[in-house]
Amino acid sequence: MRESRGRGSLALRALLGLLLMASLAVGSRVALPVEEVEVVGNRQLSPGYVRQVTGLEVGSPWLWARPQQLQPLLQNPWVKAARLERPAPGRLRIVLEEREPIASLRLGPELYGLSADGVLLPGAPQRAPLLLGQGQAPLADLLLLVQTFPDAERIRFGVGGYQVEKGRLKVWAKNVRELQDWAKASRIGPSAATNPLRPSGAERIYVYSWGVSARR
């Protein structure tokens, strides 16, 4: 008889506990809703898009907002990092770090931005240098060339090598290392008027492992 009463008491306590948790859950939704969702650090993505993707909207439960809700944002190539802050009760702040294009890459009819960490950014405005060529784009090599020649207008790639262009000057090499070595040597060498690595008036420069050939 006593065992039966004990089991009944435990069941009643469990039921009351569940009812209390349910009441708290409902109360958290009603008593403390989100009144403001601030989005900062965004330049490419709109605040409305950020709120929609994360589900962090005005009226949603403030206590239930979790950093895990930012994960869908990280699937967007423009977003490098994101964090969730609670500056005050009822307020949320989503802080974004967006990627920036350092060059433009043309792949067929499509134009992408290329970020410093090698991510393709759809819808980015065109900026120099413009990377274009045939076949699969060697992103790692192209990033090295953009860093080596940040003032270039175009960088072409293909099975035959790479060509860096600015104005009428075109510099070709079979691989990235040869172009990097040429850039370093031509910068620290004599003036352009007497520098054999950058002959005055040359419009085409061919860089080889054994030396440099120039044409006007």
C-alpha atoms as a PDB file:
ATOM      1  CA  MET A   1       0.000   0.000   0.000  1.00  0.00           C
ATOM      2  CA  ARG A   2       2.810   2.387   0.957  1.00  0.00           C
ATOM      3  CA  GLU A   3       4.750   1.466  -2.203  1.00  0.00           C
ATOM      4  CA  SER A   4       1.691   2.283  -4.298  1.00  0.00           C
ATOM      5  CA  ARG A   5       1.334   5.658  -2.607  1.00  0.00           C
ATOM      6  CA  GLY A   6       5.062   6.370  -3.134  1.00  0.00           C
ATOM      7  CA  ARG A   7       4.854   5.619  -6.834  1.00  0.00           C
ATOM      8  CA  GLY A   8       1.769   7.817  -7.104  1.00  0.00           C
ATOM      9  CA  SER A   9       3.595  10.681  -5.378  1.00  0.00           C
ATOM     10  CA  LEU A  10       6.566  10.433  -7.751  1.00  0.00           C
ATOM     11  CA  ALA A  11       4.279  10.406 -10.751  1.00  0.00           C
ATOM     12  CA  LEU A  12       2.462  13.473  -9.457  1.00  0.00           C
ATOM     13  CA  ARG A  13       5.743  15.316  -8.912  1.00  0.00           C
ATOM     14  CA  ALA A  14       6.906  14.450 -12.414  1.00  0.00           C
ATOM     15  CA  LEU A  15       3.644  15.678 -13.873  1.00  0.00           C
ATOM     16  CA  LEU A  16       3.861  18.928 -11.922  1.00  0.00           C
ATOM     17  CA  GLY A  17       7.445  19.385 -13.095  1.00  0.00           C
ATOM     18  CA  LEU A  18       6.432  18.950 -16.718  1.00  0.00           C
ATOM     19  CA  LEU A  19       3.573  21.396 -16.283  1.00  0.00           C
ATOM     20  CA  LEU A  20       5.959  23.937 -14.708  1.00  0.00           C
ATOM     21  CA  MET A  21       8.464  23.603 -17.579  1.00  0.00           C
ATOM     22  CA  ALA A  22       5.698  23.984 -20.140  1.00  0.00           C
ATOM     23  CA  SER A  23       4.407  27.074 -18.341  1.00  0.00           C
ATOM     24  CA  LEU A  24       7.894  28.595 -18.276  1.00  0.00           C
ATOM     25  CA  ALA A  25       8.365  27.869 -21.967  1.00  0.00           C
ATOM     26  CA  VAL A  26       5.082  29.511 -22.890  1.00  0.00           C
ATOM     27  CA  GLY A  27       5.796  32.381 -20.533  1.00  0.00           C
ATOM     28  CA  SER A  28       9.217  33.020 -22.082  1.00  0.00           C
ATOM     29  CA  ARG A  29       7.581  33.371 -25.475  1.00  0.00           C
ATOM     30  CA  VAL A  30       4.897  35.748 -24.290  1.00  0.00           C
ATOM     31  CA  ALA A  31       6.571  37.715 -21.490  1.00  0.00           C
ATOM     32  CA  LEU A  32       9.922  38.489 -23.192  1.00  0.00           C
ATOM     33  CA  PRO A  33       9.697  38.638 -26.976  1.00  0.00           C
ATOM     34  CA  VAL A  34      12.415  40.137 -29.173  1.00  0.00           C
ATOM     35  CA  GLU A  35      11.717  43.853 -29.660  1.00  0.00           C
ATOM     36  CA  GLU A  36      14.674  44.732 -31.900  1.00  0.00           C
ATOM     37  CA  VAL A  37      17.144  42.804 -34.100  1.00  0.00           C
ATOM     38  CA  GLU A  38      20.138  44.933 -35.101  1.00  0.00           C
ATOM     39  CA  VAL A  39      22.442  43.813 -37.914  1.00  0.00           C
ATOM     40  CA  VAL A  40      25.920  45.381 -38.075  1.00  0.00           C
ATOM     41  CA  GLY A  41      28.958  44.822 -40.289  1.00  0.00           C
ATOM     42  CA  ASN A  42      26.847  44.056 -43.361  1.00  0.00           C
ATOM     43  CA  ARG A  43      27.586  45.680 -46.702  1.00  0.00           C
ATOM     44  CA  GLN A  44      26.443  43.082 -49.217  1.00  0.00           C
ATOM     45  CA  LEU A  45      23.656  41.332 -47.291  1.00  0.00           C
ATOM     46  CA  SER A  46      20.499  43.198 -46.277  1.00  0.00           C
ATOM     47  CA  PRO A  47      19.288  43.181 -42.645  1.00  0.00           C
ATOM     48  CA  GLY A  48      16.004  41.650 -43.799  1.00  0.00           C
ATOM     49  CA  TYR A  49      17.829  38.732 -45.424  1.00  0.00           C
ATOM     50  CA  VAL A  50      19.916  38.153 -42.294  1.00  0.00           C
ATOM     51  CA  ARG A  51      16.869  38.125 -40.026  1.00  0.00           C
ATOM     52  CA  GLN A  52      14.925  35.831 -42.347  1.00  0.00           C
ATOM     53  CA  VAL A  53      17.727  33.286 -42.756  1.00  0.00           C
ATOM     54  CA  THR A  54      18.433  33.071 -39.024  1.00  0.00           C
ATOM     55  CA  GLY A  55      14.821  33.201 -37.874  1.00  0.00           C
ATOM     56  CA  LEU A  56      15.779  35.926 -35.404  1.00  0.00           C
ATOM     57  CA  GLU A  57      12.805  38.184 -35.959  1.00  0.00           C
ATOM     58  CA  VAL A  58      10.936  40.747 -33.880  1.00  0.00           C
ATOM     59  CA  GLY A  59       8.399  38.886 -31.766  1.00  0.00           C
ATOM     60  CA  SER A  60      10.411  35.674 -31.488  1.00  0.00           C
ATOM     61  CA  PRO A  61      11.410  34.481 -27.959  1.00  0.00           C
ATOM     62  CA  TRP A  62      14.412  36.484 -26.732  1.00  0.00           C
ATOM     63  CA  LEU A  63      15.456  33.775 -24.247  1.00  0.00           C
ATOM     64  CA  TRP A  64      15.371  31.150 -26.970  1.00  0.00           C
ATOM     65  CA  ALA A  65      17.756  32.934 -29.361  1.00  0.00           C
ATOM     66  CA  ARG A  66      20.839  30.757 -29.850  1.00  0.00           C
ATOM     67  CA  PRO A  67      24.163  31.252 -31.709  1.00  0.00           C
ATOM     68  CA  GLN A  68      23.420  28.043 -33.617  1.00  0.00           C
ATOM     69  CA  GLN A  69      20.766  29.974 -35.529  1.00  0.00           C
ATOM     70  CA  LEU A  70      23.579  31.836 -37.303  1.00  0.00           C
ATOM     71  CA  GLN A  71      24.837  28.658 -39.005  1.00  0.00           C
ATOM     72  CA  PRO A  72      22.742  29.173 -42.188  1.00  0.00           C
ATOM     73  CA  LEU A  73      24.497  32.552 -42.615  1.00  0.00           C
ATOM     74  CA  LEU A  74      27.893  30.846 -42.729  1.00  0.00           C
ATOM     75  CA  GLN A  75      26.723  28.878 -45.772  1.00  0.00           C
ATOM     76  CA  ASN A  76      26.597  32.178 -47.686  1.00  0.00           C
ATOM     77  CA  PRO A  77      29.984  32.795 -49.389  1.00  0.00           C
ATOM     78  CA  TRP A  78      29.863  36.490 -48.463  1.00  0.00           C
ATOM     79  CA  VAL A  79      29.872  35.712 -44.719  1.00  0.00           C
ATOM     80  CA  LYS A  80      33.271  34.989 -43.183  1.00  0.00           C
ATOM     81  CA  ALA A  81      32.137  35.080 -39.535  1.00  0.00           C
ATOM     82  CA  ALA A  82      29.036  35.918 -37.489  1.00  0.00           C
ATOM     83  CA  ARG A  83      28.211  36.215 -33.805  1.00  0.00           C
ATOM     84  CA  LEU A  84      25.108  36.870 -31.721  1.00  0.00           C
ATOM     85  CA  GLU A  85      25.011  39.489 -28.963  1.00  0.00           C
ATOM     86  CA  ARG A  86      22.346  40.419 -26.373  1.00  0.00           C
ATOM     87  CA  PRO A  87      22.952  44.107 -25.560  1.00  0.00           C
ATOM     88  CA  ALA A  88      19.785  44.371 -23.431  1.00  0.00           C
ATOM     89  CA  PRO A  89      16.652  42.360 -22.574  1.00  0.00           C
ATOM     90  CA  GLY A  90      14.482  42.109 -25.675  1.00  0.00           C
ATOM     91  CA  ARG A  91      17.317  43.240 -27.995  1.00  0.00           C
ATOM     92  CA  LEU A  92      19.536  41.140 -30.269  1.00  0.00           C
ATOM     93  CA  ARG A  93      22.559  42.182 -32.302  1.00  0.00           C
ATOM     94  CA  ILE A  94      23.946  40.107 -35.184  1.00  0.00           C
ATOM     95  CA  VAL A  95      27.559  41.068 -35.953  1.00  0.00           C
ATOM     96  CA  LEU A  96      28.805  40.054 -39.410  1.00  0.00           C
ATOM     97  CA  GLU A  97      32.252  39.951 -40.953  1.00  0.00           C
ATOM     98  CA  GLU A  98      31.755  39.911 -44.699  1.00  0.00           C
ATOM     99  CA  ARG A  99      34.337  38.958 -47.292  1.00  0.00           C
ATOM    100  CA  GLU A 100      35.575  41.584 -49.731  1.00  0.00           C
ATOM    101  CA  PRO A 101      36.603  40.984 -53.351  1.00  0.00           C
ATOM    102  CA  ILE A 102      40.233  41.720 -54.201  1.00  0.00           C
ATOM    103  CA  ALA A 103      39.780  40.837 -57.889  1.00  0.00           C
ATOM    104  CA  SER A 104      37.143  39.788 -60.400  1.00  0.00           C
ATOM    105  CA  LEU A 105      37.105  36.337 -62.008  1.00  0.00           C
ATOM    106  CA  ARG A 106      35.252  35.566 -65.224  1.00  0.00           C
ATOM    107  CA  LEU A 107      34.056  31.986 -65.543  1.00  0.00           C
ATOM    108  CA  GLY A 108      32.208  31.581 -68.815  1.00  0.00           C
ATOM    109  CA  PRO A 109      29.370  34.125 -68.876  1.00  0.00           C
ATOM    110  CA  GLU A 110      29.472  34.614 -65.104  1.00  0.00           C
ATOM    111  CA  LEU A 111      31.492  37.206 -63.205  1.00  0.00           C
ATOM    112  CA  TYR A 112      32.521  36.578 -59.596  1.00  0.00           C
ATOM    113  CA  GLY A 113      34.468  38.437 -56.986  1.00  0.00           C
ATOM    114  CA  LEU A 114      37.478  36.633 -55.511  1.00  0.00           C
ATOM    115  CA  SER A 115      38.185  37.117 -51.814  1.00  0.00           C
ATOM    116  CA  ALA A 116      41.608  37.067 -50.160  1.00  0.00           C
ATOM    117  CA  ASP A 117      40.910  33.570 -48.785  1.00  0.00           C
ATOM    118  CA  GLY A 118      40.005  32.172 -52.199  1.00  0.00           C
ATOM    119  CA  VAL A 119      36.188  32.213 -52.015  1.00  0.00           C
ATOM    120  CA  LEU A 120      34.115  33.086 -55.088  1.00  0.00           C
ATOM    121  CA  LEU A 121      31.616  35.874 -54.393  1.00  0.00           C
ATOM    122  CA  PRO A 122      28.540  35.944 -56.664  1.00  0.00           C
ATOM    123  CA  GLY A 123      27.114  39.313 -57.606  1.00  0.00           C
ATOM    124  CA  ALA A 124      30.246  41.277 -56.725  1.00  0.00           C
ATOM    125  CA  PRO A 125      30.877  44.473 -58.726  1.00  0.00           C
ATOM    126  CA  GLN A 126      33.745  44.220 -61.182  1.00  0.00           C
ATOM    127  CA  ARG A 127      37.111  45.430 -59.986  1.00  0.00           C
ATOM    128  CA  ALA A 128      40.678  45.129 -61.207  1.00  0.00           C
ATOM    129  CA  PRO A 129      42.517  42.988 -61.747  1.00  0.00           C
ATOM    130  CA  LEU A 130      40.191  40.995 -63.978  1.00  0.00           C
ATOM    131  CA  LEU A 131      41.115  37.299 -64.055  1.00  0.00           C
ATOM    132  CA  LEU A 132      40.187  35.426 -67.203  1.00  0.00           C
ATOM    133  CA  GLY A 133      41.264  32.379 -69.128  1.00  0.00           C
ATOM    134  CA  GLN A 134      40.365  28.908 -70.271  1.00  0.00           C
ATOM    135  CA  GLY A 135      39.871  25.727 -68.295  1.00  0.00           C
ATOM    136  CA  GLN A 136      39.602  25.379 -64.532  1.00  0.00           C
ATOM    137  CA  ALA A 137      40.719  28.502 -62.707  1.00  0.00           C
ATOM    138  CA  PRO A 138      43.806  27.836 -60.523  1.00  0.00           C
ATOM    139  CA  LEU A 139      42.589  29.937 -57.593  1.00  0.00           C
ATOM    140  CA  ALA A 140      45.684  29.487 -55.404  1.00  0.00           C
ATOM    141  CA  ASP A 141      48.018  30.653 -58.201  1.00  0.00           C
ATOM    142  CA  LEU A 142      45.736  33.529 -59.153  1.00  0.00           C
ATOM    143  CA  LEU A 143      45.640  34.753 -55.547  1.00  0.00           C
ATOM    144  CA  LEU A 144      49.444  34.810 -55.462  1.00  0.00           C
ATOM    145  CA  LEU A 145      49.527  36.822 -58.688  1.00  0.00           C
ATOM    146  CA  VAL A 146      46.943  39.321 -57.416  1.00  0.00           C
ATOM    147  CA  GLN A 147      49.068  39.816 -54.294  1.00  0.00           C
ATOM    148  CA  THR A 148      52.212  40.209 -56.405  1.00  0.00           C
ATOM    149  CA  PHE A 149      50.626  42.520 -59.008  1.00  0.00           C
ATOM    150  CA  PRO A 150      47.825  44.409 -57.173  1.00  0.00           C
ATOM    151  CA  ASP A 151      47.872  47.210 -59.786  1.00  0.00           C
ATOM    152  CA  ALA A 152      47.437  44.910 -62.785  1.00  0.00           C
ATOM    153  CA  GLU A 153      44.425  45.444 -65.022  1.00  0.00           C
ATOM    154  CA  ARG A 154      44.125  41.853 -66.226  1.00  0.00           C
ATOM    155  CA  ILE A 155      45.694  38.497 -65.401  1.00  0.00           C
ATOM    156  CA  ARG A 156      45.189  35.749 -67.971  1.00  0.00           C
ATOM    157  CA  PHE A 157      45.635  32.035 -67.288  1.00  0.00           C
ATOM    158  CA  GLY A 158      45.742  28.965 -69.496  1.00  0.00           C
ATOM    159  CA  VAL A 159      47.626  25.759 -70.195  1.00  0.00           C
ATOM    160  CA  GLY A 160      50.501  27.792 -71.618  1.00  0.00           C
ATOM    161  CA  GLY A 161      51.105  29.883 -68.507  1.00  0.00           C
ATOM    162  CA  TYR A 162      50.109  33.267 -67.086  1.00  0.00           C
ATOM    163  CA  GLN A 163      50.089  36.793 -68.504  1.00  0.00           C
ATOM    164  CA  VAL A 164      49.885  39.987 -66.430  1.00  0.00           C
ATOM    165  CA  GLU A 165      48.652  43.087 -68.252  1.00  0.00           C
ATOM    166  CA  LYS A 166      48.653  46.783 -67.449  1.00  0.00           C
ATOM    167  CA  GLY A 167      48.135  49.337 -70.182  1.00  0.00           C
ATOM    168  CA  ARG A 168      50.184  48.255 -73.193  1.00  0.00           C
ATOM    169  CA  LEU A 169      52.594  46.171 -71.110  1.00  0.00           C
ATOM    170  CA  LYS A 170      52.121  42.390 -71.083  1.00  0.00           C
ATOM    171  CA  VAL A 171      54.327  40.093 -69.020  1.00  0.00           C
ATOM    172  CA  TRP A 172      54.146  36.335 -69.609  1.00  0.00           C
ATOM    173  CA  ALA A 173      55.673  33.385 -67.767  1.00  0.00           C
ATOM    174  CA  LYS A 174      55.147  29.653 -67.642  1.00  0.00           C
ATOM    175  CA  ASN A 175      54.505  29.623 -63.891  1.00  0.00           C
ATOM    176  CA  VAL A 176      53.773  31.869 -60.932  1.00  0.00           C
ATOM    177  CA  ARG A 177      57.235  31.578 -59.375  1.00  0.00           C
ATOM    178  CA  GLU A 178      58.930  33.030 -62.459  1.00  0.00           C
ATOM    179  CA  LEU A 179      56.564  36.004 -62.445  1.00  0.00           C
ATOM    180  CA  GLN A 180      57.135  36.552 -58.732  1.00  0.00           C
ATOM    181  CA  ASP A 181      60.915  36.421 -59.183  1.00  0.00           C
ATOM    182  CA  TRP A 182      60.696  38.853 -62.122  1.00  0.00           C
ATOM    183  CA  ALA A 183      58.513  41.272 -60.126  1.00  0.00           C
ATOM    184  CA  LYS A 184      60.901  41.220 -57.173  1.00  0.00           C
ATOM    185  CA  ALA A 185      64.008  41.659 -59.282  1.00  0.00           C
ATOM    186  CA  SER A 186      62.566  44.412 -61.484  1.00  0.00           C
ATOM    187  CA  ARG A 187      61.502  46.432 -58.441  1.00  0.00           C
ATOM    188  CA  ILE A 188      64.876  46.320 -56.694  1.00  0.00           C
ATOM    189  CA  GLY A 189      66.942  46.640 -59.875  1.00  0.00           C
ATOM    190  CA  PRO A 190      68.056  49.763 -61.789  1.00  0.00           C
ATOM    191  CA  SER A 191      65.667  52.356 -63.145  1.00  0.00           C
ATOM    192  CA  ALA A 192      63.260  51.355 -65.885  1.00  0.00           C
ATOM    193  CA  ALA A 193      65.382  53.204 -68.440  1.00  0.00           C
ATOM    194  CA  THR A 194      68.382  50.874 -67.937  1.00  0.00           C
ATOM    195  CA  ASN A 195      66.877  47.837 -66.241  1.00  0.00           C
ATOM    196  CA  PRO A 196      67.312  44.772 -68.525  1.00  0.00           C
ATOM    197  CA  LEU A 197      64.394  43.122 -66.738  1.00  0.00           C
ATOM    198  CA  ARG A 198      62.077  45.969 -67.792  1.00  0.00           C
ATOM    199  CA  PRO A 199      63.437  47.452 -71.030  1.00  0.00           C
ATOM    200  CA  SER A 200      62.193  50.930 -71.794  1.00  0.00           C
ATOM    201  CA  GLY A 201      59.424  50.912 -74.398  1.00  0.00           C
ATOM    202  CA  ALA A 202      58.900  47.161 -74.200  1.00  0.00           C
ATOM    203  CA  GLU A 203      55.284  46.106 -74.657  1.00  0.00           C
ATOM    204  CA  ARG A 204      55.736  42.364 -74.287  1.00  0.00           C
ATOM    205  CA  ILE A 205      58.029  40.674 -71.790  1.00  0.00           C
ATOM    206  CA  TYR A 206      58.584  36.921 -71.689  1.00  0.00           C
ATOM    207  CA  VAL A 207      60.041  35.570 -68.479  1.00  0.00           C
ATOM    208  CA  TYR A 208      61.915  32.266 -68.558  1.00  0.00           C
ATOM    209  CA  SER A 209      63.960  30.365 -66.020  1.00  0.00           C
ATOM    210  CA  TRP A 210      67.117  31.361 -67.931  1.00  0.00           C
ATOM    211  CA  GLY A 211      66.305  35.061 -68.462  1.00  0.00           C
ATOM    212  CA  VAL A 212      63.994  37.648 -69.996  1.00  0.00           C
ATOM    213  CA  SER A 213      63.008  38.362 -73.596  1.00  0.00           C
ATOM    214  CA  ALA A 214      61.378  41.663 -74.537  1.00  0.00           C
ATOM    215  CA  ARG A 215      59.572  42.899 -77.635  1.00  0.00           C
ATOM    216  CA  ARG A 216      58.354  46.341 -78.627  1.00  0.00           C
END
